[in-house]
Amino acid sequence: MREDYRVRVTVKFSQDKSKVEVKSEAYYRIGNNWIIGSDTALLQTLKTDIMGTIGRVTR
């Protein structure tokens, strides 16, 4: 949607599928440079959605 903002999300399940690790990186472009940060609101929404799908409660 926006050319100056992008987010990458990584979801990692443990081998026995008892744990889920979710990480996100947000990038905002200023001029020709990308600044890395985090989008905490998006990360919380993703965690809630993923946990709801697999039937767990977020911590």
N, C-alpha and C. Protein backbone atom coordinates (compact mmCIF):
# COMPACT_ATOMS: atom_id res chain seq x y z
N MET A 1 0.81 -1.19 0.00
CA MET A 1 0.00 0.00 0.00
C MET A 1 0.86 1.27 0.00
N ARG A 2 1.90 1.26 0.84
CA ARG A 2 2.78 2.43 0.91
C ARG A 2 4.16 2.03 0.43
N GLU A 3 4.80 2.90 -0.28
CA GLU A 3 6.14 2.62 -0.78
C GLU A 3 7.24 2.95 0.22
N ASP A 4 6.88 3.64 1.31
CA ASP A 4 7.89 4.04 2.29
C ASP A 4 7.82 3.25 3.59
N TYR A 5 7.06 2.15 3.59
CA TYR A 5 6.91 1.36 4.81
C TYR A 5 6.74 -0.11 4.44
N ARG A 6 7.46 -0.98 5.13
CA ARG A 6 7.31 -2.42 4.90
C ARG A 6 7.55 -3.16 6.21
N VAL A 7 6.95 -4.34 6.31
CA VAL A 7 7.06 -5.15 7.51
C VAL A 7 7.36 -6.58 7.10
N ARG A 8 8.25 -7.24 7.85
CA ARG A 8 8.54 -8.66 7.64
C ARG A 8 8.21 -9.39 8.93
N VAL A 9 7.48 -10.48 8.79
CA VAL A 9 7.08 -11.28 9.94
C VAL A 9 7.66 -12.68 9.78
N THR A 10 8.24 -13.20 10.86
CA THR A 10 8.79 -14.55 10.88
C THR A 10 8.06 -15.33 11.97
N VAL A 11 7.54 -16.49 11.59
CA VAL A 11 6.86 -17.36 12.54
C VAL A 11 7.63 -18.67 12.59
N LYS A 12 8.00 -19.09 13.79
CA LYS A 12 8.80 -20.30 13.97
C LYS A 12 8.12 -21.20 14.98
N PHE A 13 7.84 -22.43 14.56
CA PHE A 13 7.25 -23.43 15.44
C PHE A 13 8.35 -24.35 15.95
N SER A 14 8.25 -24.78 17.20
CA SER A 14 9.19 -25.78 17.70
C SER A 14 8.88 -27.10 17.01
N GLN A 15 9.83 -28.00 17.03
CA GLN A 15 9.68 -29.26 16.31
C GLN A 15 8.48 -30.07 16.80
N ASP A 16 8.23 -30.02 18.10
CA ASP A 16 7.07 -30.76 18.63
C ASP A 16 5.79 -29.92 18.59
N LYS A 17 5.88 -28.73 18.01
CA LYS A 17 4.74 -27.82 17.82
C LYS A 17 4.09 -27.37 19.13
N SER A 18 4.88 -27.35 20.21
CA SER A 18 4.35 -26.90 21.49
C SER A 18 4.61 -25.42 21.72
N LYS A 19 5.49 -24.79 20.92
CA LYS A 19 5.82 -23.38 21.09
C LYS A 19 5.81 -22.69 19.73
N VAL A 20 5.43 -21.42 19.77
CA VAL A 20 5.43 -20.58 18.58
C VAL A 20 6.19 -19.31 18.91
N GLU A 21 7.11 -18.93 18.03
CA GLU A 21 7.86 -17.70 18.20
C GLU A 21 7.52 -16.78 17.02
N VAL A 22 7.08 -15.57 17.32
CA VAL A 22 6.71 -14.61 16.28
C VAL A 22 7.59 -13.39 16.42
N LYS A 23 8.21 -12.99 15.33
CA LYS A 23 9.05 -11.79 15.30
C LYS A 23 8.61 -10.93 14.13
N SER A 24 8.73 -9.63 14.30
CA SER A 24 8.44 -8.74 13.18
C SER A 24 9.50 -7.65 13.12
N GLU A 25 9.75 -7.19 11.92
CA GLU A 25 10.66 -6.07 11.69
C GLU A 25 9.92 -5.08 10.81
N ALA A 26 9.94 -3.83 11.20
CA ALA A 26 9.31 -2.78 10.41
C ALA A 26 10.41 -1.89 9.83
N TYR A 27 10.23 -1.50 8.60
CA TYR A 27 11.20 -0.64 7.92
C TYR A 27 10.47 0.59 7.40
N TYR A 28 11.04 1.76 7.68
CA TYR A 28 10.49 3.01 7.21
C TYR A 28 11.56 3.70 6.37
N ARG A 29 11.19 4.14 5.18
CA ARG A 29 12.18 4.75 4.28
C ARG A 29 12.18 6.26 4.45
N ILE A 30 13.38 6.78 4.65
CA ILE A 30 13.61 8.22 4.68
C ILE A 30 14.64 8.51 3.59
N GLY A 31 14.21 9.13 2.53
CA GLY A 31 15.09 9.37 1.38
C GLY A 31 15.41 8.05 0.72
N ASN A 32 16.69 7.72 0.63
CA ASN A 32 17.13 6.45 0.04
C ASN A 32 17.48 5.41 1.10
N ASN A 33 17.29 5.74 2.37
CA ASN A 33 17.68 4.85 3.47
C ASN A 33 16.46 4.23 4.14
N TRP A 34 16.59 2.94 4.50
CA TRP A 34 15.55 2.24 5.25
C TRP A 34 15.97 2.21 6.71
N ILE A 35 15.10 2.66 7.59
CA ILE A 35 15.33 2.66 9.03
C ILE A 35 14.56 1.48 9.62
N ILE A 36 15.26 0.64 10.41
CA ILE A 36 14.61 -0.54 10.99
C ILE A 36 14.05 -0.19 12.36
N GLY A 37 12.91 -0.81 12.64
CA GLY A 37 12.27 -0.61 13.94
C GLY A 37 11.31 -1.74 14.20
N SER A 38 10.29 -1.47 15.01
CA SER A 38 9.29 -2.50 15.26
C SER A 38 7.91 -1.85 15.27
N ASP A 39 6.94 -2.62 14.86
CA ASP A 39 5.55 -2.18 14.84
C ASP A 39 4.83 -3.01 15.91
N THR A 40 4.80 -2.51 17.12
CA THR A 40 4.28 -3.29 18.25
C THR A 40 2.79 -3.58 18.12
N ALA A 41 2.04 -2.64 17.56
CA ALA A 41 0.60 -2.87 17.39
C ALA A 41 0.35 -4.01 16.40
N LEU A 42 1.08 -4.01 15.29
CA LEU A 42 0.94 -5.08 14.31
C LEU A 42 1.37 -6.42 14.90
N LEU A 43 2.48 -6.44 15.63
CA LEU A 43 2.97 -7.68 16.22
C LEU A 43 1.94 -8.26 17.19
N GLN A 44 1.33 -7.43 18.01
CA GLN A 44 0.33 -7.93 18.95
C GLN A 44 -0.89 -8.48 18.21
N THR A 45 -1.31 -7.81 17.16
CA THR A 45 -2.44 -8.29 16.36
C THR A 45 -2.11 -9.63 15.71
N LEU A 46 -0.91 -9.75 15.16
CA LEU A 46 -0.50 -11.02 14.54
C LEU A 46 -0.46 -12.14 15.56
N LYS A 47 0.11 -11.87 16.73
CA LYS A 47 0.19 -12.90 17.78
C LYS A 47 -1.21 -13.37 18.18
N THR A 48 -2.11 -12.42 18.36
CA THR A 48 -3.48 -12.75 18.75
C THR A 48 -4.15 -13.60 17.67
N ASP A 49 -4.00 -13.20 16.41
CA ASP A 49 -4.60 -13.95 15.30
C ASP A 49 -4.02 -15.35 15.19
N ILE A 50 -2.71 -15.48 15.30
CA ILE A 50 -2.06 -16.80 15.18
C ILE A 50 -2.49 -17.70 16.33
N MET A 51 -2.46 -17.18 17.54
CA MET A 51 -2.82 -17.99 18.70
C MET A 51 -4.29 -18.38 18.65
N GLY A 52 -5.15 -17.49 18.17
CA GLY A 52 -6.56 -17.83 18.03
C GLY A 52 -6.77 -18.94 17.01
N THR A 53 -5.97 -18.93 15.96
CA THR A 53 -6.07 -19.95 14.93
C THR A 53 -5.62 -21.31 15.43
N ILE A 54 -4.55 -21.33 16.23
CA ILE A 54 -4.05 -22.62 16.70
C ILE A 54 -4.62 -23.01 18.07
N GLY A 55 -5.48 -22.14 18.63
CA GLY A 55 -6.18 -22.50 19.85
C GLY A 55 -5.42 -22.26 21.13
N ARG A 56 -4.58 -21.25 21.16
CA ARG A 56 -3.84 -20.92 22.37
C ARG A 56 -4.12 -19.47 22.77
N VAL A 57 -3.76 -19.12 24.00
CA VAL A 57 -3.95 -17.77 24.49
C VAL A 57 -2.60 -17.05 24.45
N THR A 58 -2.60 -15.79 24.02
CA THR A 58 -1.35 -15.03 23.97
C THR A 58 -0.90 -14.65 25.37
N ARG A 59 0.40 -14.51 25.51
CA ARG A 59 0.97 -14.07 26.78
C ARG A 59 1.46 -12.67 26.67
